[in-house]
């Protein structure tokens, strides 16, 4: 089961990164679900399950999330 959860998280990180790259908007209600899943995955040490390439994508998505969060604060 952990393999499938890891694969789902890796896919979501890649999907979100690709959407940002192509300037496609993901609806906020969908992003909320993605965020909850990804934050839960990371909170249990999921980052250690990812390959180096997947970790790089996850880090890029984390940076995008922080930038988006800062825009909402300002």
PDB file of N, CA and C in Angstrom:
ATOM      1  N   UNK A   1       0.822  -1.189   0.000  1.00  0.00           N
ATOM      2  CA  UNK A   1       0.000   0.000   0.000  1.00  0.00           C
ATOM      3  C   UNK A   1       0.872   1.261   0.000  1.00  0.00           C
ATOM      4  N   UNK A   2       1.976   1.231   0.752  1.00  0.00           N
ATOM      5  CA  UNK A   2       2.827   2.421   0.812  1.00  0.00           C
ATOM      6  C   UNK A   2       3.391   2.769  -0.566  1.00  0.00           C
ATOM      7  N   UNK A   3       3.643   1.761  -1.389  1.00  0.00           N
ATOM      8  CA  UNK A   3       4.132   2.011  -2.743  1.00  0.00           C
ATOM      9  C   UNK A   3       3.119   2.840  -3.528  1.00  0.00           C
ATOM     10  N   UNK A   4       1.850   2.490  -3.426  1.00  0.00           N
ATOM     11  CA  UNK A   4       0.809   3.187  -4.179  1.00  0.00           C
ATOM     12  C   UNK A   4       0.601   4.608  -3.658  1.00  0.00           C
ATOM     13  N   UNK A   5       0.722   4.789  -2.365  1.00  0.00           N
ATOM     14  CA  UNK A   5       0.605   6.133  -1.789  1.00  0.00           C
ATOM     15  C   UNK A   5       1.769   6.996  -2.261  1.00  0.00           C
ATOM     16  N   UNK A   6       2.966   6.425  -2.261  1.00  0.00           N
ATOM     17  CA  UNK A   6       4.147   7.143  -2.743  1.00  0.00           C
ATOM     18  C   UNK A   6       3.993   7.511  -4.215  1.00  0.00           C
ATOM     19  N   UNK A   7       3.504   6.571  -5.015  1.00  0.00           N
ATOM     20  CA  UNK A   7       3.301   6.834  -6.443  1.00  0.00           C
ATOM     21  C   UNK A   7       2.253   7.925  -6.659  1.00  0.00           C
ATOM     22  N   UNK A   8       1.192   7.908  -5.861  1.00  0.00           N
ATOM     23  CA  UNK A   8       0.155   8.940  -5.970  1.00  0.00           C
ATOM     24  C   UNK A   8       0.727  10.308  -5.618  1.00  0.00           C
ATOM     25  N   UNK A   9       1.522  10.372  -4.567  1.00  0.00           N
ATOM     26  CA  UNK A   9       2.130  11.641  -4.166  1.00  0.00           C
ATOM     27  C   UNK A   9       3.093  12.139  -5.242  1.00  0.00           C
ATOM     28  N   UNK A  10       3.930  11.255  -5.754  1.00  0.00           N
ATOM     29  CA  UNK A  10       4.873  11.643  -6.806  1.00  0.00           C
ATOM     30  C   UNK A  10       4.124  12.151  -8.036  1.00  0.00           C
ATOM     31  N   UNK A  11       3.039  11.474  -8.387  1.00  0.00           N
ATOM     32  CA  UNK A  11       2.230  11.906  -9.526  1.00  0.00           C
ATOM     33  C   UNK A  11       1.646  13.291  -9.273  1.00  0.00           C
ATOM     34  N   UNK A  12       1.103  13.513  -8.074  1.00  0.00           N
ATOM     35  CA  UNK A  12       0.501  14.816  -7.772  1.00  0.00           C
ATOM     36  C   UNK A  12       1.535  15.932  -7.803  1.00  0.00           C
ATOM     37  N   UNK A  13       2.713  15.688  -7.235  1.00  0.00           N
ATOM     38  CA  UNK A  13       3.766  16.706  -7.298  1.00  0.00           C
ATOM     39  C   UNK A  13       4.094  17.038  -8.750  1.00  0.00           C
ATOM     40  N   UNK A  14       4.232  16.024  -9.572  1.00  0.00           N
ATOM     41  CA  UNK A  14       4.548  16.226 -10.989  1.00  0.00           C
ATOM     42  C   UNK A  14       3.403  16.949 -11.708  1.00  0.00           C
ATOM     43  N   UNK A  15       2.175  16.544 -11.425  1.00  0.00           N
ATOM     44  CA  UNK A  15       1.000  17.154 -12.048  1.00  0.00           C
ATOM     45  C   UNK A  15       0.906  18.635 -11.697  1.00  0.00           C
ATOM     46  N   UNK A  16       1.071  18.955 -10.424  1.00  0.00           N
ATOM     47  CA  UNK A  16       0.985  20.350  -9.981  1.00  0.00           C
ATOM     48  C   UNK A  16       2.105  21.169 -10.612  1.00  0.00           C
ATOM     49  N   UNK A  17       3.314  20.634 -10.626  1.00  0.00           N
ATOM     50  CA  UNK A  17       4.443  21.343 -11.234  1.00  0.00           C
ATOM     51  C   UNK A  17       4.192  21.600 -12.716  1.00  0.00           C
ATOM     52  N   UNK A  18       3.661  20.607 -13.401  1.00  0.00           N
ATOM     53  CA  UNK A  18       3.386  20.757 -14.835  1.00  0.00           C
ATOM     54  C   UNK A  18       2.279  21.779 -15.084  1.00  0.00           C
ATOM     55  N   UNK A  19       1.268  21.788 -14.247  1.00  0.00           N
ATOM     56  CA  UNK A  19       0.192  22.780 -14.393  1.00  0.00           C
ATOM     57  C   UNK A  19       0.733  24.194 -14.227  1.00  0.00           C
ATOM     58  N   UNK A  20       1.578  24.402 -13.217  1.00  0.00           N
ATOM     59  CA  UNK A  20       2.181  25.721 -13.027  1.00  0.00           C
ATOM     60  C   UNK A  20       3.054  26.087 -14.221  1.00  0.00           C
ATOM     61  N   UNK A  21       3.811  25.127 -14.704  1.00  0.00           N
ATOM     62  CA  UNK A  21       4.706  25.358 -15.842  1.00  0.00           C
ATOM     63  C   UNK A  21       3.916  25.784 -17.074  1.00  0.00           C
ATOM     64  N   UNK A  22       2.773  25.144 -17.300  1.00  0.00           N
ATOM     65  CA  UNK A  22       1.939  25.453 -18.460  1.00  0.00           C
ATOM     66  C   UNK A  22       0.921  26.550 -18.169  1.00  0.00           C
ATOM     67  N   UNK A  23       1.002  27.145 -16.981  1.00  0.00           N
ATOM     68  CA  UNK A  23       0.107  28.217 -16.543  1.00  0.00           C
ATOM     69  C   UNK A  23      -1.354  27.798 -16.594  1.00  0.00           C
ATOM     70  N   UNK A  24      -1.603  26.565 -16.198  1.00  0.00           N
ATOM     71  CA  UNK A  24      -2.972  26.059 -16.104  1.00  0.00           C
ATOM     72  C   UNK A  24      -3.416  26.183 -14.657  1.00  0.00           C
ATOM     73  N   UNK A  25      -4.644  26.607 -14.473  1.00  0.00           N
ATOM     74  CA  UNK A  25      -5.177  26.808 -13.132  1.00  0.00           C
ATOM     75  C   UNK A  25      -5.873  25.546 -12.646  1.00  0.00           C
ATOM     76  N   UNK A  26      -5.530  25.149 -11.436  1.00  0.00           N
ATOM     77  CA  UNK A  26      -6.213  24.038 -10.777  1.00  0.00           C
ATOM     78  C   UNK A  26      -7.235  24.671  -9.842  1.00  0.00           C
ATOM     79  N   UNK A  27      -8.502  24.285  -9.933  1.00  0.00           N
ATOM     80  CA  UNK A  27      -9.520  24.885  -9.065  1.00  0.00           C
ATOM     81  C   UNK A  27      -9.131  24.777  -7.586  1.00  0.00           C
ATOM     82  N   UNK A  28      -9.451  25.814  -6.831  1.00  0.00           N
ATOM     83  CA  UNK A  28      -9.060  25.889  -5.425  1.00  0.00           C
ATOM     84  C   UNK A  28      -9.574  24.708  -4.607  1.00  0.00           C
ATOM     85  N   UNK A  29     -10.802  24.266  -4.884  1.00  0.00           N
ATOM     86  CA  UNK A  29     -11.352  23.147  -4.112  1.00  0.00           C
ATOM     87  C   UNK A  29     -10.588  21.846  -4.390  1.00  0.00           C
ATOM     88  N   UNK A  30     -10.046  21.710  -5.597  1.00  0.00           N
ATOM     89  CA  UNK A  30      -9.230  20.540  -5.928  1.00  0.00           C
ATOM     90  C   UNK A  30      -7.854  20.666  -5.274  1.00  0.00           C
ATOM     91  N   UNK A  31      -7.280  21.866  -5.317  1.00  0.00           N
ATOM     92  CA  UNK A  31      -5.978  22.085  -4.689  1.00  0.00           C
ATOM     93  C   UNK A  31      -6.040  21.834  -3.190  1.00  0.00           C
ATOM     94  N   UNK A  32      -7.150  22.148  -2.562  1.00  0.00           N
ATOM     95  CA  UNK A  32      -7.302  21.891  -1.129  1.00  0.00           C
ATOM     96  C   UNK A  32      -7.170  20.403  -0.842  1.00  0.00           C
ATOM     97  N   UNK A  33      -7.795  19.583  -1.660  1.00  0.00           N
ATOM     98  CA  UNK A  33      -7.708  18.128  -1.491  1.00  0.00           C
ATOM     99  C   UNK A  33      -6.275  17.656  -1.748  1.00  0.00           C
ATOM    100  N   UNK A  34      -5.661  18.146  -2.821  1.00  0.00           N
ATOM    101  CA  UNK A  34      -4.276  17.784  -3.120  1.00  0.00           C
ATOM    102  C   UNK A  34      -3.359  18.165  -1.954  1.00  0.00           C
ATOM    103  N   UNK A  35      -3.532  19.393  -1.448  1.00  0.00           N
ATOM    104  CA  UNK A  35      -2.696  19.872  -0.349  1.00  0.00           C
ATOM    105  C   UNK A  35      -2.824  18.980   0.875  1.00  0.00           C
ATOM    106  N   UNK A  36      -4.041  18.636   1.240  1.00  0.00           N
ATOM    107  CA  UNK A  36      -4.252  17.798   2.426  1.00  0.00           C
ATOM    108  C   UNK A  36      -3.554  16.453   2.266  1.00  0.00           C
ATOM    109  N   UNK A  37      -3.691  15.846   1.095  1.00  0.00           N
ATOM    110  CA  UNK A  37      -3.034  14.560   0.848  1.00  0.00           C
ATOM    111  C   UNK A  37      -1.517  14.701   0.908  1.00  0.00           C
ATOM    112  N   UNK A  38      -0.985  15.702   0.203  1.00  0.00           N
ATOM    113  CA  UNK A  38       0.465  15.864   0.143  1.00  0.00           C
ATOM    114  C   UNK A  38       1.053  16.245   1.497  1.00  0.00           C
ATOM    115  N   UNK A  39       0.378  17.109   2.240  1.00  0.00           N
ATOM    116  CA  UNK A  39       0.878  17.485   3.560  1.00  0.00           C
ATOM    117  C   UNK A  39       0.847  16.294   4.510  1.00  0.00           C
ATOM    118  N   UNK A  40      -0.185  15.474   4.430  1.00  0.00           N
ATOM    119  CA  UNK A  40      -0.244  14.261   5.259  1.00  0.00           C
ATOM    120  C   UNK A  40       0.894  13.318   4.873  1.00  0.00           C
ATOM    121  N   UNK A  41       1.107  13.151   3.582  1.00  0.00           N
ATOM    122  CA  UNK A  41       2.189  12.297   3.088  1.00  0.00           C
ATOM    123  C   UNK A  41       3.539  12.776   3.616  1.00  0.00           C
ATOM    124  N   UNK A  42       3.777  14.076   3.524  1.00  0.00           N
ATOM    125  CA  UNK A  42       5.055  14.623   3.974  1.00  0.00           C
ATOM    126  C   UNK A  42       5.189  14.584   5.493  1.00  0.00           C
ATOM    127  N   UNK A  43       4.087  14.747   6.203  1.00  0.00           N
ATOM    128  CA  UNK A  43       4.143  14.783   7.670  1.00  0.00           C
ATOM    129  C   UNK A  43       4.533  13.441   8.276  1.00  0.00           C
ATOM    130  N   UNK A  44       4.346  12.360   7.537  1.00  0.00           N
ATOM    131  CA  UNK A  44       4.724  11.041   8.049  1.00  0.00           C
ATOM    132  C   UNK A  44       6.070  10.586   7.473  1.00  0.00           C
ATOM    133  N   UNK A  45       6.831  11.538   6.941  1.00  0.00           N
ATOM    134  CA  UNK A  45       8.158  11.213   6.420  1.00  0.00           C
ATOM    135  C   UNK A  45       8.160  10.701   4.998  1.00  0.00           C
ATOM    136  N   UNK A  46       7.110  10.996   4.260  1.00  0.00           N
ATOM    137  CA  UNK A  46       6.996  10.514   2.891  1.00  0.00           C
ATOM    138  C   UNK A  46       8.103  10.981   1.967  1.00  0.00           C
ATOM    139  N   UNK A  47       8.702  12.122   2.288  1.00  0.00           N
ATOM    140  CA  UNK A  47       9.768  12.638   1.425  1.00  0.00           C
ATOM    141  C   UNK A  47      10.901  11.621   1.292  1.00  0.00           C
ATOM    142  N   UNK A  48      11.115  10.825   2.337  1.00  0.00           N
ATOM    143  CA  UNK A  48      12.185   9.822   2.311  1.00  0.00           C
ATOM    144  C   UNK A  48      11.892   8.683   1.343  1.00  0.00           C
ATOM    145  N   UNK A  49      10.645   8.522   0.956  1.00  0.00           N
ATOM    146  CA  UNK A  49      10.261   7.464   0.021  1.00  0.00           C
ATOM    147  C   UNK A  49      10.514   7.858  -1.430  1.00  0.00           C
ATOM    148  N   UNK A  50      10.651   9.159  -1.679  1.00  0.00           N
ATOM    149  CA  UNK A  50      10.774   9.659  -3.046  1.00  0.00           C
ATOM    150  C   UNK A  50      12.204   9.527  -3.560  1.00  0.00           C
ATOM    151  N   UNK A  51      12.312   9.341  -4.872  1.00  0.00           N
ATOM    152  CA  UNK A  51      13.633   9.337  -5.509  1.00  0.00           C
ATOM    153  C   UNK A  51      14.178  10.766  -5.496  1.00  0.00           C
ATOM    154  N   UNK A  52      15.447  10.923  -5.819  1.00  0.00           N
ATOM    155  CA  UNK A  52      16.047  12.264  -5.841  1.00  0.00           C
ATOM    156  C   UNK A  52      15.325  13.177  -6.837  1.00  0.00           C
ATOM    157  N   UNK A  53      14.977  12.653  -7.999  1.00  0.00           N
ATOM    158  CA  UNK A  53      14.261  13.451  -9.003  1.00  0.00           C
ATOM    159  C   UNK A  53      12.883  13.853  -8.484  1.00  0.00           C
ATOM    160  N   UNK A  54      12.195  12.926  -7.821  1.00  0.00           N
ATOM    161  CA  UNK A  54      10.871  13.226  -7.262  1.00  0.00           C
ATOM    162  C   UNK A  54      10.978  14.233  -6.126  1.00  0.00           C
ATOM    163  N   UNK A  55      12.050  14.140  -5.341  1.00  0.00           N
ATOM    164  CA  UNK A  55      12.269  15.107  -4.256  1.00  0.00           C
ATOM    165  C   UNK A  55      12.462  16.509  -4.816  1.00  0.00           C
ATOM    166  N   UNK A  56      13.166  16.602  -5.939  1.00  0.00           N
ATOM    167  CA  UNK A  56      13.389  17.907  -6.568  1.00  0.00           C
ATOM    168  C   UNK A  56      12.065  18.517  -7.022  1.00  0.00           C
ATOM    169  N   UNK A  57      11.208  17.708  -7.622  1.00  0.00           N
ATOM    170  CA  UNK A  57       9.889  18.186  -8.050  1.00  0.00           C
ATOM    171  C   UNK A  57       9.077  18.601  -6.826  1.00  0.00           C
ATOM    172  N   UNK A  58       9.119  17.797  -5.764  1.00  0.00           N
ATOM    173  CA  UNK A  58       8.387  18.121  -4.535  1.00  0.00           C
ATOM    174  C   UNK A  58       8.873  19.444  -3.953  1.00  0.00           C
ATOM    175  N   UNK A  59      10.167  19.679  -3.979  1.00  0.00           N
ATOM    176  CA  UNK A  59      10.726  20.933  -3.471  1.00  0.00           C
ATOM    177  C   UNK A  59      10.260  22.112  -4.324  1.00  0.00           C
ATOM    178  N   UNK A  60      10.207  21.930  -5.636  1.00  0.00           N
ATOM    179  CA  UNK A  60       9.707  22.990  -6.516  1.00  0.00           C
ATOM    180  C   UNK A  60       8.245  23.300  -6.217  1.00  0.00           C
ATOM    181  N   UNK A  61       7.456  22.273  -5.985  1.00  0.00           N
ATOM    182  CA  UNK A  61       6.037  22.476  -5.665  1.00  0.00           C
ATOM    183  C   UNK A  61       5.903  23.169  -4.313  1.00  0.00           C
ATOM    184  N   UNK A  62       6.738  22.788  -3.363  1.00  0.00           N
ATOM    185  CA  UNK A  62       6.710  23.446  -2.051  1.00  0.00           C
ATOM    186  C   UNK A  62       6.973  24.943  -2.207  1.00  0.00           C
ATOM    187  N   UNK A  63       7.947  25.289  -3.036  1.00  0.00           N
ATOM    188  CA  UNK A  63       8.254  26.692  -3.297  1.00  0.00           C
ATOM    189  C   UNK A  63       7.057  27.396  -3.933  1.00  0.00           C
ATOM    190  N   UNK A  64       6.397  26.733  -4.875  1.00  0.00           N
ATOM    191  CA  UNK A  64       5.208  27.309  -5.503  1.00  0.00           C
ATOM    192  C   UNK A  64       4.099  27.530  -4.483  1.00  0.00           C
ATOM    193  N   UNK A  65       3.892  26.550  -3.588  1.00  0.00           N
ATOM    194  CA  UNK A  65       2.874  26.686  -2.540  1.00  0.00           C
ATOM    195  C   UNK A  65       3.177  27.886  -1.649  1.00  0.00           C
ATOM    196  N   UNK A  66       4.444  28.042  -1.263  1.00  0.00           N
ATOM    197  CA  UNK A  66       4.823  29.164  -0.405  1.00  0.00           C
ATOM    198  C   UNK A  66       4.598  30.495  -1.108  1.00  0.00           C
ATOM    199  N   UNK A  67       4.939  30.564  -2.386  1.00  0.00           N
ATOM    200  CA  UNK A  67       4.714  31.792  -3.151  1.00  0.00           C
ATOM    201  C   UNK A  67       3.229  32.114  -3.229  1.00  0.00           C
ATOM    202  N   UNK A  68       2.408  31.103  -3.488  1.00  0.00           N
ATOM    203  CA  UNK A  68       0.958  31.302  -3.562  1.00  0.00           C
ATOM    204  C   UNK A  68       0.413  31.757  -2.212  1.00  0.00           C
ATOM    205  N   UNK A  69       0.892  31.144  -1.142  1.00  0.00           N
ATOM    206  CA  UNK A  69       0.433  31.497   0.201  1.00  0.00           C
ATOM    207  C   UNK A  69       0.792  32.948   0.522  1.00  0.00           C
ATOM    208  N   UNK A  70       1.991  33.377   0.149  1.00  0.00           N
ATOM    209  CA  UNK A  70       2.417  34.746   0.400  1.00  0.00           C
ATOM    210  C   UNK A  70       1.572  35.737  -0.385  1.00  0.00           C
ATOM    211  N   UNK A  71       1.150  35.384  -1.586  1.00  0.00           N
ATOM    212  CA  UNK A  71       0.289  36.260  -2.383  1.00  0.00           C
ATOM    213  C   UNK A  71      -1.059  36.459  -1.706  1.00  0.00           C
ATOM    214  N   UNK A  72      -1.576  35.404  -1.068  1.00  0.00           N
ATOM    215  CA  UNK A  72      -2.867  35.504  -0.389  1.00  0.00           C
ATOM    216  C   UNK A  72      -2.767  36.335   0.883  1.00  0.00           C
ATOM    217  N   UNK A  73      -1.591  36.360   1.502  1.00  0.00           N
ATOM    218  CA  UNK A  73      -1.399  37.137   2.728  1.00  0.00           C
ATOM    219  C   UNK A  73      -1.343  38.620   2.407  1.00  0.00           C
ATOM    220  N   UNK A  74      -0.679  38.966   1.309  1.00  0.00           N
ATOM    221  CA  UNK A  74      -0.502  40.374   0.923  1.00  0.00           C
ATOM    222  C   UNK A  74      -1.735  40.904   0.324  1.00  0.00           C
TER     223      UNK A  74
END
